[in-house]
Amino acid sequence: MATRTLVMAASLPVRRTVAVLPAMCTRGRRSYSQAVHTNRSTASRPISRALARVDDDRPTNLVEYTLTTLDRLAVWIRNGSMWPLTFALACCGVEMMHVSMPRYDQDRLGIIFRASPRQADVMIVAGTLTNKMAPALRQCYDQMPDPKWVISMGSCANGGGYYHYSYSVVRGADRIVPVDIYVPGCPPTAEALMYGILLLQAKNRRTRATRMWYRK
């Protein structure tokens, strides 16, 4: 009897065993087949191009190929050695300091804070910008070598924030210097500032260094 049972079990078709998998792999409210269908539909969606490395322009001749190669080399060097100028004005400066701590360790991305504007290429305006501080902000920006970028960190730097209607507060750092990246929050977290730096690197990858003369 036991031998007959083993023979019958061995002669069962494989399809019946495979057909049990959807019922066995059920988790929660979705079955295995529904999960596979969801993953396929999600994979077909367009990927966000905020941080993607996309090259839309294809070189067609030797000159364009040479310029494109130089642009990529310059972008690779700049993205790997961004040196921000610390311009902390309020509580957002504490979160900016938090980025350089061991938890986030911005040094691994080549981001090193500089105390002199002549050695920096990124300015992080963190906090409330007053009318008395605006000339100093502009002077530090003018002393930075080209190309240079500005990150506005926090609601106060973006548009005045809590002190928007104060007589002594500038309603946005973009009224004094051109701003490339806005980081919202009051104050924004260190993760938000790190993501803003990554967005700036993505913007830098789309910049043509050999055509920078028109920005002056």
Protein backbone atom coordinates (compact mmCIF):
# COMPACT_ATOMS: atom_id res chain seq x y z
CA MET A 1 0.00 0.00 0.00
CA ALA A 2 2.81 2.38 0.85
CA THR A 3 4.58 1.56 -2.42
CA ARG A 4 1.41 2.29 -4.42
CA THR A 5 1.05 5.68 -2.67
CA LEU A 6 4.62 6.65 -3.55
CA VAL A 7 4.11 5.64 -7.19
CA MET A 8 0.90 7.68 -7.45
CA ALA A 9 2.60 10.72 -5.88
CA ALA A 10 5.52 10.48 -8.29
CA SER A 11 3.19 10.26 -11.29
CA LEU A 12 1.37 13.53 -10.52
CA PRO A 13 1.86 16.21 -13.19
CA VAL A 14 4.03 19.19 -12.37
CA ARG A 15 1.36 21.70 -13.40
CA ARG A 16 -0.74 20.97 -10.34
CA THR A 17 2.16 21.80 -8.02
CA VAL A 18 2.92 25.07 -9.82
CA ALA A 19 -0.73 26.09 -9.77
CA VAL A 20 -0.67 26.14 -5.97
CA LEU A 21 2.03 28.89 -5.86
CA PRO A 22 -0.32 31.90 -6.27
CA ALA A 23 -2.37 30.80 -3.28
CA MET A 24 0.72 30.01 -1.20
CA CYS A 25 2.40 33.37 -1.95
CA THR A 26 -0.59 35.48 -0.92
CA ARG A 27 0.32 38.30 1.48
CA GLY A 28 -2.26 40.63 2.90
CA ARG A 29 -4.92 41.57 0.39
CA ARG A 30 -2.93 41.01 -2.79
CA SER A 31 -2.19 37.68 -4.41
CA TYR A 32 1.03 36.72 -6.11
CA SER A 33 -0.40 37.32 -9.59
CA GLN A 34 -1.64 40.78 -8.59
CA ALA A 35 1.75 41.67 -7.14
CA VAL A 36 3.50 40.61 -10.35
CA HIS A 37 1.03 42.64 -12.42
CA THR A 38 1.60 45.69 -10.20
CA ASN A 39 5.37 45.39 -10.46
CA ARG A 40 5.17 45.16 -14.25
CA SER A 41 2.96 48.24 -14.48
CA THR A 42 5.23 50.15 -12.10
CA ALA A 43 8.31 49.20 -14.11
CA SER A 44 6.75 50.62 -17.26
CA ARG A 45 6.28 54.05 -15.71
CA PRO A 46 8.73 56.81 -16.69
CA ILE A 47 11.56 57.28 -14.22
CA SER A 48 11.99 60.70 -12.59
CA ARG A 49 14.69 62.68 -14.36
CA ALA A 50 15.50 64.91 -11.38
CA LEU A 51 18.68 63.01 -10.56
CA ALA A 52 19.03 60.92 -13.71
CA ARG A 53 22.10 61.06 -15.89
CA VAL A 54 20.54 61.91 -19.22
CA ASP A 55 22.47 62.99 -22.30
CA ASP A 56 20.00 64.47 -24.76
CA ASP A 57 22.56 66.04 -27.09
CA ARG A 58 24.52 63.61 -29.20
CA PRO A 59 27.72 64.93 -30.81
CA THR A 60 27.57 64.90 -34.59
CA ASN A 61 31.11 66.00 -35.50
CA LEU A 62 34.60 66.19 -34.07
CA VAL A 63 34.22 69.69 -32.62
CA GLU A 64 31.03 68.82 -30.76
CA TYR A 65 32.56 65.58 -29.53
CA THR A 66 35.61 67.43 -28.18
CA LEU A 67 33.49 70.08 -26.45
CA THR A 68 31.17 67.44 -25.00
CA THR A 69 34.12 65.47 -23.65
CA LEU A 70 35.57 68.59 -22.03
CA ASP A 71 32.17 69.41 -20.53
CA ARG A 72 31.84 65.96 -19.01
CA LEU A 73 35.35 66.13 -17.59
CA ALA A 74 34.71 69.56 -16.05
CA VAL A 75 31.36 68.45 -14.62
CA TRP A 76 32.94 65.32 -13.13
CA ILE A 77 35.62 67.41 -11.43
CA ARG A 78 33.16 70.00 -10.08
CA ASN A 79 30.64 67.49 -8.80
CA GLY A 80 33.38 65.66 -6.95
CA SER A 81 34.80 68.79 -5.29
CA MET A 82 31.99 71.17 -4.36
CA TRP A 83 33.21 73.57 -1.68
CA PRO A 84 30.33 75.51 -0.10
CA LEU A 85 30.69 78.85 1.62
CA THR A 86 28.99 78.75 5.01
CA PHE A 87 26.66 81.74 5.29
CA ALA A 88 24.62 80.72 8.35
CA LEU A 89 22.30 83.47 9.57
CA ALA A 90 19.81 81.69 11.86
CA CYS A 91 18.70 78.28 13.12
CA CYS A 92 19.06 76.74 9.64
CA GLY A 93 22.79 76.94 10.15
CA VAL A 94 22.58 74.19 12.78
CA GLU A 95 21.08 71.80 10.24
CA MET A 96 23.73 72.85 7.74
CA MET A 97 26.41 71.91 10.29
CA HIS A 98 24.59 68.63 10.82
CA VAL A 99 25.34 67.63 7.23
CA SER A 100 29.07 67.60 7.92
CA MET A 101 28.69 65.37 10.98
CA PRO A 102 29.45 61.61 10.85
CA ARG A 103 25.80 60.63 10.35
CA TYR A 104 25.65 62.17 6.86
CA ASP A 105 29.36 62.76 6.22
CA GLN A 106 29.30 65.14 3.30
CA ASP A 107 33.07 64.76 2.92
CA ARG A 108 32.55 61.44 1.14
CA LEU A 109 30.92 63.41 -1.69
CA GLY A 110 33.80 65.88 -1.89
CA ILE A 111 31.80 68.62 -0.12
CA ILE A 112 34.06 70.62 2.19
CA PHE A 113 33.02 73.87 3.89
CA ARG A 114 35.30 76.81 3.21
CA ALA A 115 35.62 79.98 5.25
CA SER A 116 36.79 82.14 2.34
CA PRO A 117 34.56 83.00 -0.62
CA ARG A 118 37.60 83.00 -2.92
CA GLN A 119 37.97 79.25 -2.35
CA ALA A 120 34.27 78.34 -2.63
CA ASP A 121 32.01 77.69 -5.60
CA VAL A 122 28.69 77.14 -3.76
CA MET A 123 27.05 79.54 -1.32
CA ILE A 124 24.49 78.17 1.15
CA VAL A 125 22.32 81.00 2.51
CA ALA A 126 20.85 79.47 5.66
CA GLY A 127 18.53 81.64 7.72
CA THR A 128 16.99 85.10 7.86
CA LEU A 129 18.63 87.68 5.62
CA THR A 130 18.34 91.21 6.99
CA ASN A 131 18.81 94.49 5.17
CA LYS A 132 22.09 95.14 6.97
CA MET A 133 23.44 91.72 6.01
CA ALA A 134 22.45 91.96 2.35
CA PRO A 135 25.51 94.01 1.23
CA ALA A 136 27.85 91.49 2.90
CA LEU A 137 26.04 88.64 1.13
CA ARG A 138 26.46 90.33 -2.22
CA GLN A 139 30.11 91.11 -1.55
CA CYS A 140 30.87 87.48 -0.70
CA TYR A 141 29.03 86.36 -3.82
CA ASP A 142 31.05 88.73 -6.01
CA GLN A 143 34.31 87.41 -4.54
CA MET A 144 33.50 83.81 -5.47
CA PRO A 145 35.17 82.57 -8.66
CA ASP A 146 33.09 81.49 -11.66
CA PRO A 147 31.23 79.23 -12.10
CA LYS A 148 29.34 79.59 -8.82
CA TRP A 149 25.98 78.53 -7.47
CA VAL A 150 23.70 79.54 -4.61
CA ILE A 151 21.47 77.33 -2.43
CA SER A 152 18.72 79.08 -0.49
CA MET A 153 18.06 77.04 2.66
CA GLY A 154 14.94 77.53 4.75
CA SER A 155 11.73 79.53 4.50
CA CYS A 156 13.39 82.73 5.74
CA ALA A 157 16.02 82.65 3.00
CA ASN A 158 13.45 81.64 0.38
CA GLY A 159 10.89 84.37 1.02
CA GLY A 160 11.23 85.90 4.46
CA GLY A 161 9.47 83.09 6.27
CA TYR A 162 8.14 83.97 9.70
CA TYR A 163 9.56 87.49 9.40
CA HIS A 164 8.14 88.15 5.95
CA TYR A 165 6.40 91.38 7.01
CA SER A 166 9.26 92.70 9.11
CA TYR A 167 10.72 96.05 8.12
CA SER A 168 14.31 94.80 8.44
CA VAL A 169 14.12 91.47 6.61
CA VAL A 170 14.81 90.83 2.93
CA ARG A 171 11.93 88.84 1.44
CA GLY A 172 14.07 86.26 -0.26
CA ALA A 173 17.77 85.89 -0.94
CA ASP A 174 17.02 85.85 -4.66
CA ARG A 175 16.53 89.62 -4.46
CA ILE A 176 20.24 89.99 -3.72
CA VAL A 177 21.92 87.07 -5.50
CA PRO A 178 20.71 84.60 -8.15
CA VAL A 179 19.53 81.38 -6.50
CA ASP A 180 19.84 77.97 -8.16
CA ILE A 181 18.28 75.60 -5.59
CA TYR A 182 15.55 76.33 -3.01
CA VAL A 183 15.37 74.05 0.04
CA PRO A 184 12.01 74.54 1.84
CA GLY A 185 11.42 74.01 5.54
CA CYS A 186 11.53 75.83 8.87
CA PRO A 187 14.15 74.68 9.45
CA PRO A 188 14.76 72.07 6.74
CA THR A 189 16.34 68.83 7.82
CA ALA A 190 19.86 67.79 6.97
CA GLU A 191 18.44 65.24 4.53
CA ALA A 192 16.66 68.05 2.67
CA LEU A 193 19.89 70.03 2.32
CA MET A 194 21.73 66.93 1.15
CA TYR A 195 19.03 66.32 -1.45
CA GLY A 196 19.33 69.94 -2.56
CA ILE A 197 23.06 69.45 -3.08
CA LEU A 198 22.37 66.34 -5.13
CA LEU A 199 19.90 68.33 -7.24
CA LEU A 200 22.58 70.97 -7.76
CA GLN A 201 24.97 68.28 -8.94
CA ALA A 202 22.33 67.02 -11.35
CA LYS A 203 21.84 70.56 -12.63
CA ASN A 204 25.58 70.90 -13.01
CA ARG A 205 25.66 67.76 -15.16
CA ARG A 206 23.30 69.45 -17.60
CA THR A 207 25.50 72.56 -17.78
CA ARG A 208 27.88 73.08 -20.66
CA ALA A 209 31.11 74.44 -19.20
CA THR A 210 32.41 75.51 -22.61
CA ARG A 211 29.39 77.80 -23.05
CA MET A 212 29.61 79.53 -19.65
CA TRP A 213 30.72 82.85 -21.09
CA TYR A 214 27.13 83.98 -21.72
CA ARG A 215 26.32 83.98 -17.97
CA LYS A 216 28.62 86.90 -17.25
